PDB file of all heavy atoms in Angstrom:
ATOM      1  N   THR A   1      12.605  10.218  -8.080  1.00  0.00           N
ATOM      2  CA  THR A   1      11.266  10.638  -8.244  1.00  0.00           C
ATOM      3  C   THR A   1      10.437   9.475  -8.808  1.00  0.00           C
ATOM      4  O   THR A   1      10.819   8.855  -9.720  1.00  0.00           O
ATOM      5  CB  THR A   1      11.226  11.853  -9.271  1.00  0.00           C
ATOM      6  OG1 THR A   1      11.986  12.884  -8.768  1.00  0.00           O
ATOM      7  CG2 THR A   1       9.779  12.249  -9.489  1.00  0.00           C
ATOM      8  N   VAL A   2       9.296   9.200  -8.174  1.00  0.00           N
ATOM      9  CA  VAL A   2       8.462   8.066  -8.508  1.00  0.00           C
ATOM     10  C   VAL A   2       7.045   8.551  -8.727  1.00  0.00           C
ATOM     11  O   VAL A   2       6.617   9.570  -8.209  1.00  0.00           O
ATOM     12  CB  VAL A   2       8.474   6.981  -7.486  1.00  0.00           C
ATOM     13  CG1 VAL A   2       9.863   6.410  -7.294  1.00  0.00           C
ATOM     14  CG2 VAL A   2       7.964   7.490  -6.129  1.00  0.00           C
ATOM     15  N   LEU A   3       6.269   7.799  -9.452  1.00  0.00           N
ATOM     16  CA  LEU A   3       4.832   8.036  -9.698  1.00  0.00           C
ATOM     17  C   LEU A   3       4.109   7.310  -8.551  1.00  0.00           C
ATOM     18  O   LEU A   3       4.020   6.054  -8.604  1.00  0.00           O
ATOM     19  CB  LEU A   3       4.405   7.506 -11.086  1.00  0.00           C
ATOM     20  CG  LEU A   3       2.942   7.795 -11.433  1.00  0.00           C
ATOM     21  CD1 LEU A   3       2.723   9.332 -11.505  1.00  0.00           C
ATOM     22  CD2 LEU A   3       2.640   7.147 -12.821  1.00  0.00           C
ATOM     23  N   ASP A   4       3.593   8.071  -7.647  1.00  0.00           N
ATOM     24  CA  ASP A   4       3.027   7.473  -6.398  1.00  0.00           C
ATOM     25  C   ASP A   4       1.543   7.315  -6.462  1.00  0.00           C
ATOM     26  O   ASP A   4       0.742   8.090  -5.862  1.00  0.00           O
ATOM     27  CB  ASP A   4       3.422   8.413  -5.206  1.00  0.00           C
ATOM     28  CG  ASP A   4       3.147   7.679  -3.880  1.00  0.00           C
ATOM     29  OD1 ASP A   4       2.965   6.568  -3.817  1.00  0.00           O
ATOM     30  OD2 ASP A   4       3.206   8.455  -2.874  1.00  0.00           O
ATOM     31  N   VAL A   5       1.108   6.358  -7.227  1.00  0.00           N
ATOM     32  CA  VAL A   5      -0.350   6.156  -7.435  1.00  0.00           C
ATOM     33  C   VAL A   5      -0.811   4.718  -6.936  1.00  0.00           C
ATOM     34  O   VAL A   5      -1.974   4.424  -6.939  1.00  0.00           O
ATOM     35  CB  VAL A   5      -0.840   6.333  -8.819  1.00  0.00           C
ATOM     36  CG1 VAL A   5      -0.635   7.803  -9.270  1.00  0.00           C
ATOM     37  CG2 VAL A   5      -0.112   5.351  -9.815  1.00  0.00           C
ATOM     38  N   ASP A   6       0.174   3.917  -6.567  1.00  0.00           N
ATOM     39  CA  ASP A   6      -0.171   2.524  -6.203  1.00  0.00           C
ATOM     40  C   ASP A   6      -0.109   2.333  -4.708  1.00  0.00           C
ATOM     41  O   ASP A   6       0.596   2.870  -3.948  1.00  0.00           O
ATOM     42  CB  ASP A   6       0.862   1.581  -6.799  1.00  0.00           C
ATOM     43  CG  ASP A   6       0.837   1.575  -8.334  1.00  0.00           C
ATOM     44  OD1 ASP A   6      -0.229   1.927  -8.929  1.00  0.00           O
ATOM     45  OD2 ASP A   6       1.844   1.221  -8.963  1.00  0.00           O
ATOM     46  N   ILE A   7      -1.030   1.369  -4.150  1.00  0.00           N
ATOM     47  CA  ILE A   7      -0.912   0.881  -2.894  1.00  0.00           C
ATOM     48  C   ILE A   7      -0.602  -0.575  -2.963  1.00  0.00           C
ATOM     49  O   ILE A   7      -1.280  -1.392  -3.658  1.00  0.00           O
ATOM     50  CB  ILE A   7      -2.327   1.065  -2.121  1.00  0.00           C
ATOM     51  CG1 ILE A   7      -2.613   2.531  -1.938  1.00  0.00           C
ATOM     52  CG2 ILE A   7      -2.250   0.351  -0.696  1.00  0.00           C
ATOM     53  CD1 ILE A   7      -3.931   2.870  -1.356  1.00  0.00           C
ATOM     54  N   VAL A   8       0.586  -0.936  -2.493  1.00  0.00           N
ATOM     55  CA  VAL A   8       1.140  -2.299  -2.702  1.00  0.00           C
ATOM     56  C   VAL A   8       0.202  -3.405  -2.091  1.00  0.00           C
ATOM     57  O   VAL A   8      -0.252  -3.200  -0.932  1.00  0.00           O
ATOM     58  CB  VAL A   8       2.541  -2.344  -2.193  1.00  0.00           C
ATOM     59  CG1 VAL A   8       3.119  -3.775  -2.368  1.00  0.00           C
ATOM     60  CG2 VAL A   8       3.403  -1.352  -2.816  1.00  0.00           C
ATOM     61  N   ASP A   9       0.063  -4.517  -2.842  1.00  0.00           N
ATOM     62  CA  ASP A   9      -0.681  -5.637  -2.272  1.00  0.00           C
ATOM     63  C   ASP A   9       0.112  -6.291  -1.187  1.00  0.00           C
ATOM     64  O   ASP A   9       1.218  -6.741  -1.351  1.00  0.00           O
ATOM     65  CB  ASP A   9      -0.930  -6.613  -3.442  1.00  0.00           C
ATOM     66  CG  ASP A   9      -1.784  -7.753  -3.005  1.00  0.00           C
ATOM     67  OD1 ASP A   9      -2.161  -7.889  -1.805  1.00  0.00           O
ATOM     68  OD2 ASP A   9      -2.074  -8.583  -3.887  1.00  0.00           O
ATOM     69  N   ALA A  10      -0.558  -6.337  -0.007  1.00  0.00           N
ATOM     70  CA  ALA A  10       0.131  -6.886   1.164  1.00  0.00           C
ATOM     71  C   ALA A  10       0.316  -8.434   1.028  1.00  0.00           C
ATOM     72  O   ALA A  10       1.064  -9.051   1.805  1.00  0.00           O
ATOM     73  CB  ALA A  10      -0.664  -6.591   2.445  1.00  0.00           C
ATOM     74  N   HIS A  11      -0.401  -9.027  -0.003  1.00  0.00           N
ATOM     75  CA  HIS A  11      -0.252 -10.454  -0.136  1.00  0.00           C
ATOM     76  C   HIS A  11       0.672 -10.823  -1.284  1.00  0.00           C
ATOM     77  O   HIS A  11       0.792 -11.964  -1.630  1.00  0.00           O
ATOM     78  CB  HIS A  11      -1.618 -11.041  -0.450  1.00  0.00           C
ATOM     79  CG  HIS A  11      -2.582 -10.804   0.672  1.00  0.00           C
ATOM     80  ND1 HIS A  11      -3.614  -9.930   0.559  1.00  0.00           N
ATOM     81  CD2 HIS A  11      -2.768 -11.404   1.899  1.00  0.00           C
ATOM     82  CE1 HIS A  11      -4.285  -9.951   1.687  1.00  0.00           C
ATOM     83  NE2 HIS A  11      -3.838 -10.863   2.495  1.00  0.00           N
ATOM     84  N   ALA A  12       1.282  -9.784  -1.832  1.00  0.00           N
ATOM     85  CA  ALA A  12       2.231  -9.986  -3.015  1.00  0.00           C
ATOM     86  C   ALA A  12       3.369 -10.915  -2.575  1.00  0.00           C
ATOM     87  O   ALA A  12       3.944 -10.763  -1.395  1.00  0.00           O
ATOM     88  CB  ALA A  12       2.691  -8.655  -3.609  1.00  0.00           C
ATOM     89  N   GLU A  13       3.888 -11.714  -3.493  1.00  0.00           N
ATOM     90  CA  GLU A  13       4.959 -12.632  -3.142  1.00  0.00           C
ATOM     91  C   GLU A  13       6.268 -11.878  -2.927  1.00  0.00           C
ATOM     92  O   GLU A  13       7.164 -12.392  -2.262  1.00  0.00           O
ATOM     93  CB  GLU A  13       5.109 -13.626  -4.250  1.00  0.00           C
ATOM     94  CG  GLU A  13       3.958 -14.617  -4.467  1.00  0.00           C
ATOM     95  CD  GLU A  13       4.224 -15.614  -5.572  1.00  0.00           C
ATOM     96  OE1 GLU A  13       5.380 -15.504  -6.200  1.00  0.00           O
ATOM     97  OE2 GLU A  13       3.364 -16.435  -5.882  1.00  0.00           O
ATOM     98  N   SER A  14       6.344 -10.687  -3.467  1.00  0.00           N
ATOM     99  CA  SER A  14       7.577  -9.914  -3.284  1.00  0.00           C
ATOM    100  C   SER A  14       7.863  -9.561  -1.817  1.00  0.00           C
ATOM    101  O   SER A  14       8.983  -9.226  -1.448  1.00  0.00           O
ATOM    102  CB  SER A  14       7.578  -8.595  -4.121  1.00  0.00           C
ATOM    103  OG  SER A  14       6.498  -7.761  -3.622  1.00  0.00           O
ATOM    104  N   GLY A  15       6.795  -9.531  -1.022  1.00  0.00           N
ATOM    105  CA  GLY A  15       6.965  -9.246   0.397  1.00  0.00           C
ATOM    106  C   GLY A  15       7.070  -7.744   0.662  1.00  0.00           C
ATOM    107  O   GLY A  15       7.318  -7.269   1.856  1.00  0.00           O
ATOM    108  N   ARG A  16       6.882  -6.862  -0.323  1.00  0.00           N
ATOM    109  CA  ARG A  16       6.962  -5.490  -0.106  1.00  0.00           C
ATOM    110  C   ARG A  16       5.765  -4.872   0.563  1.00  0.00           C
ATOM    111  O   ARG A  16       5.757  -3.828   1.117  1.00  0.00           O
ATOM    112  CB  ARG A  16       7.170  -4.732  -1.519  1.00  0.00           C
ATOM    113  CG  ARG A  16       8.439  -5.073  -2.129  1.00  0.00           C
ATOM    114  CD  ARG A  16       8.608  -4.271  -3.396  1.00  0.00           C
ATOM    115  NE  ARG A  16       7.620  -4.556  -4.421  1.00  0.00           N
ATOM    116  CZ  ARG A  16       6.740  -3.715  -4.899  1.00  0.00           C
ATOM    117  NH1 ARG A  16       6.765  -2.477  -4.549  1.00  0.00           N
ATOM    118  NH2 ARG A  16       5.803  -4.048  -5.794  1.00  0.00           N
ATOM    119  N   GLY A  17       4.636  -5.618   0.565  1.00  0.00           N
ATOM    120  CA  GLY A  17       3.371  -5.154   1.144  1.00  0.00           C
ATOM    121  C   GLY A  17       3.420  -5.440   2.627  1.00  0.00           C
ATOM    122  O   GLY A  17       4.051  -6.300   3.163  1.00  0.00           O
ATOM    123  N   SER A  18       2.631  -4.624   3.343  1.00  0.00           N
ATOM    124  CA  SER A  18       2.484  -4.749   4.776  1.00  0.00           C
ATOM    125  C   SER A  18       1.060  -4.252   5.148  1.00  0.00           C
ATOM    126  O   SER A  18       0.745  -3.095   4.823  1.00  0.00           O
ATOM    127  CB  SER A  18       3.509  -4.035   5.509  1.00  0.00           C
ATOM    128  OG  SER A  18       3.138  -3.819   6.881  1.00  0.00           O
ATOM    129  N   HIS A  19       0.288  -5.050   5.794  1.00  0.00           N
ATOM    130  CA  HIS A  19      -1.076  -4.625   6.303  1.00  0.00           C
ATOM    131  C   HIS A  19      -0.892  -3.393   7.212  1.00  0.00           C
ATOM    132  O   HIS A  19      -1.724  -2.442   7.183  1.00  0.00           O
ATOM    133  CB  HIS A  19      -1.756  -5.723   7.023  1.00  0.00           C
ATOM    134  CG  HIS A  19      -2.254  -6.816   6.058  1.00  0.00           C
ATOM    135  ND1 HIS A  19      -1.569  -7.971   5.837  1.00  0.00           N
ATOM    136  CD2 HIS A  19      -3.397  -6.901   5.301  1.00  0.00           C
ATOM    137  CE1 HIS A  19      -2.225  -8.701   4.884  1.00  0.00           C
ATOM    138  NE2 HIS A  19      -3.339  -8.100   4.621  1.00  0.00           N
ATOM    139  N   ARG A  20       0.060  -3.452   8.077  1.00  0.00           N
ATOM    140  CA  ARG A  20       0.308  -2.375   9.046  1.00  0.00           C
ATOM    141  C   ARG A  20       0.512  -1.000   8.311  1.00  0.00           C
ATOM    142  O   ARG A  20       0.017   0.007   8.813  1.00  0.00           O
ATOM    143  CB  ARG A  20       1.454  -2.707   9.971  1.00  0.00           C
ATOM    144  CG  ARG A  20       1.634  -1.684  11.173  1.00  0.00           C
ATOM    145  CD  ARG A  20       2.786  -2.135  11.979  1.00  0.00           C
ATOM    146  NE  ARG A  20       2.521  -3.424  12.620  1.00  0.00           N
ATOM    147  CZ  ARG A  20       1.867  -3.602  13.728  1.00  0.00           C
ATOM    148  NH1 ARG A  20       1.226  -2.587  14.296  1.00  0.00           N
ATOM    149  NH2 ARG A  20       1.684  -4.813  14.224  1.00  0.00           N
ATOM    150  N   ARG A  21       1.226  -1.064   7.246  1.00  0.00           N
ATOM    151  CA  ARG A  21       1.505   0.105   6.473  1.00  0.00           C
ATOM    152  C   ARG A  21       0.345   0.465   5.397  1.00  0.00           C
ATOM    153  O   ARG A  21      -0.024   1.578   5.265  1.00  0.00           O
ATOM    154  CB  ARG A  21       2.769   0.058   5.721  1.00  0.00           C
ATOM    155  CG  ARG A  21       3.200   1.262   4.912  1.00  0.00           C
ATOM    156  CD  ARG A  21       4.543   1.120   4.228  1.00  0.00           C
ATOM    157  NE  ARG A  21       4.587   0.120   3.222  1.00  0.00           N
ATOM    158  CZ  ARG A  21       5.206  -1.017   3.306  1.00  0.00           C
ATOM    159  NH1 ARG A  21       5.836  -1.313   4.343  1.00  0.00           N
ATOM    160  NH2 ARG A  21       5.206  -1.875   2.327  1.00  0.00           N
ATOM    161  N   ASN A  22      -0.157  -0.561   4.840  1.00  0.00           N
ATOM    162  CA  ASN A  22      -1.153  -0.370   3.735  1.00  0.00           C
ATOM    163  C   ASN A  22      -2.480   0.110   4.209  1.00  0.00           C
ATOM    164  O   ASN A  22      -3.165   0.912   3.527  1.00  0.00           O
ATOM    165  CB  ASN A  22      -1.311  -1.655   2.896  1.00  0.00           C
ATOM    166  CG  ASN A  22      -0.109  -1.974   2.090  1.00  0.00           C
ATOM    167  OD1 ASN A  22       0.931  -1.350   2.234  1.00  0.00           O
ATOM    168  ND2 ASN A  22      -0.235  -3.006   1.301  1.00  0.00           N
ATOM    169  N   ILE A  23      -2.965  -0.398   5.319  1.00  0.00           N
ATOM    170  CA  ILE A  23      -4.321  -0.040   5.760  1.00  0.00           C
ATOM    171  C   ILE A  23      -4.464   1.468   6.100  1.00  0.00           C
ATOM    172  O   ILE A  23      -5.457   2.103   5.681  1.00  0.00           O
ATOM    173  CB  ILE A  23      -4.759  -0.893   6.894  1.00  0.00           C
ATOM    174  CG1 ILE A  23      -5.044  -2.296   6.360  1.00  0.00           C
ATOM    175  CG2 ILE A  23      -6.038  -0.340   7.567  1.00  0.00           C
ATOM    176  CD1 ILE A  23      -5.519  -3.306   7.404  1.00  0.00           C
ATOM    177  N   PRO A  24      -3.510   2.066   6.756  1.00  0.00           N
ATOM    178  CA  PRO A  24      -3.521   3.569   6.890  1.00  0.00           C
ATOM    179  C   PRO A  24      -3.563   4.271   5.524  1.00  0.00           C
ATOM    180  O   PRO A  24      -4.246   5.284   5.414  1.00  0.00           O
ATOM    181  CB  PRO A  24      -2.291   3.888   7.729  1.00  0.00           C
ATOM    182  CG  PRO A  24      -2.001   2.646   8.519  1.00  0.00           C
ATOM    183  CD  PRO A  24      -2.397   1.532   7.554  1.00  0.00           C
ATOM    184  N   GLU A  25      -2.758   3.755   4.595  1.00  0.00           N
ATOM    185  CA  GLU A  25      -2.780   4.349   3.276  1.00  0.00           C
ATOM    186  C   GLU A  25      -4.088   4.310   2.600  1.00  0.00           C
ATOM    187  O   GLU A  25      -4.574   5.227   1.994  1.00  0.00           O
ATOM    188  CB  GLU A  25      -1.692   3.680   2.411  1.00  0.00           C
ATOM    189  CG  GLU A  25      -0.262   3.978   2.850  1.00  0.00           C
ATOM    190  CD  GLU A  25       0.815   3.301   1.968  1.00  0.00           C
ATOM    191  OE1 GLU A  25       0.372   2.515   1.039  1.00  0.00           O
ATOM    192  OE2 GLU A  25       1.978   3.469   2.173  1.00  0.00           O
ATOM    193  N   LEU A  26      -4.700   3.130   2.704  1.00  0.00           N
ATOM    194  CA  LEU A  26      -6.089   2.895   2.149  1.00  0.00           C
ATOM    195  C   LEU A  26      -7.082   3.774   2.858  1.00  0.00           C
ATOM    196  O   LEU A  26      -7.932   4.369   2.242  1.00  0.00           O
ATOM    197  CB  LEU A  26      -6.485   1.424   2.311  1.00  0.00           C
ATOM    198  CG  LEU A  26      -5.897   0.427   1.261  1.00  0.00           C
ATOM    199  CD1 LEU A  26      -6.173  -0.951   1.652  1.00  0.00           C
ATOM    200  CD2 LEU A  26      -6.546   0.719  -0.128  1.00  0.00           C
ATOM    201  N   THR A  27      -6.999   3.879   4.176  1.00  0.00           N
ATOM    202  CA  THR A  27      -7.965   4.690   4.949  1.00  0.00           C
ATOM    203  C   THR A  27      -7.877   6.112   4.469  1.00  0.00           C
ATOM    204  O   THR A  27      -8.914   6.750   4.293  1.00  0.00           O
ATOM    205  CB  THR A  27      -7.603   4.551   6.489  1.00  0.00           C
ATOM    206  OG1 THR A  27      -7.677   3.186   6.886  1.00  0.00           O
ATOM    207  CG2 THR A  27      -8.657   5.405   7.270  1.00  0.00           C
ATOM    208  N   SER A  28      -6.672   6.628   4.322  1.00  0.00           N
ATOM    209  CA  SER A  28      -6.522   7.971   3.863  1.00  0.00           C
ATOM    210  C   SER A  28      -7.049   8.197   2.460  1.00  0.00           C
ATOM    211  O   SER A  28      -7.791   9.180   2.271  1.00  0.00           O
ATOM    212  CB  SER A  28      -5.001   8.370   3.870  1.00  0.00           C
ATOM    213  OG  SER A  28      -4.813   9.653   3.357  1.00  0.00           O
ATOM    214  N   ALA A  29      -6.788   7.309   1.564  1.00  0.00           N
ATOM    215  CA  ALA A  29      -7.239   7.486   0.188  1.00  0.00           C
ATOM    216  C   ALA A  29      -8.795   7.361   0.120  1.00  0.00           C
ATOM    217  O   ALA A  29      -9.479   8.076  -0.578  1.00  0.00           O
ATOM    218  CB  ALA A  29      -6.543   6.465  -0.743  1.00  0.00           C
ATOM    219  N   VAL A  30      -9.316   6.313   0.804  1.00  0.00           N
ATOM    220  CA  VAL A  30     -10.717   6.092   0.774  1.00  0.00           C
ATOM    221  C   VAL A  30     -11.453   7.326   1.372  1.00  0.00           C
ATOM    222  O   VAL A  30     -12.522   7.757   0.924  1.00  0.00           O
ATOM    223  CB  VAL A  30     -11.168   4.830   1.514  1.00  0.00           C
ATOM    224  CG1 VAL A  30     -12.601   4.760   1.698  1.00  0.00           C
ATOM    225  CG2 VAL A  30     -10.619   3.605   0.749  1.00  0.00           C
ATOM    226  N   GLY A  31     -10.898   7.797   2.502  1.00  0.00           N
ATOM    227  CA  GLY A  31     -11.472   8.927   3.149  1.00  0.00           C
ATOM    228  C   GLY A  31     -11.555  10.185   2.250  1.00  0.00           C
ATOM    229  O   GLY A  31     -12.550  10.909   2.202  1.00  0.00           O
TER     230      GLY A  31
END
């Protein structure tokens, strides 16, 4: 179980971010 409030930075050095995944998440939250 996790606290799901973050959208990962696609430019983070960890490499966990992805524009392909993050932009739909942003679009949904902004909408």
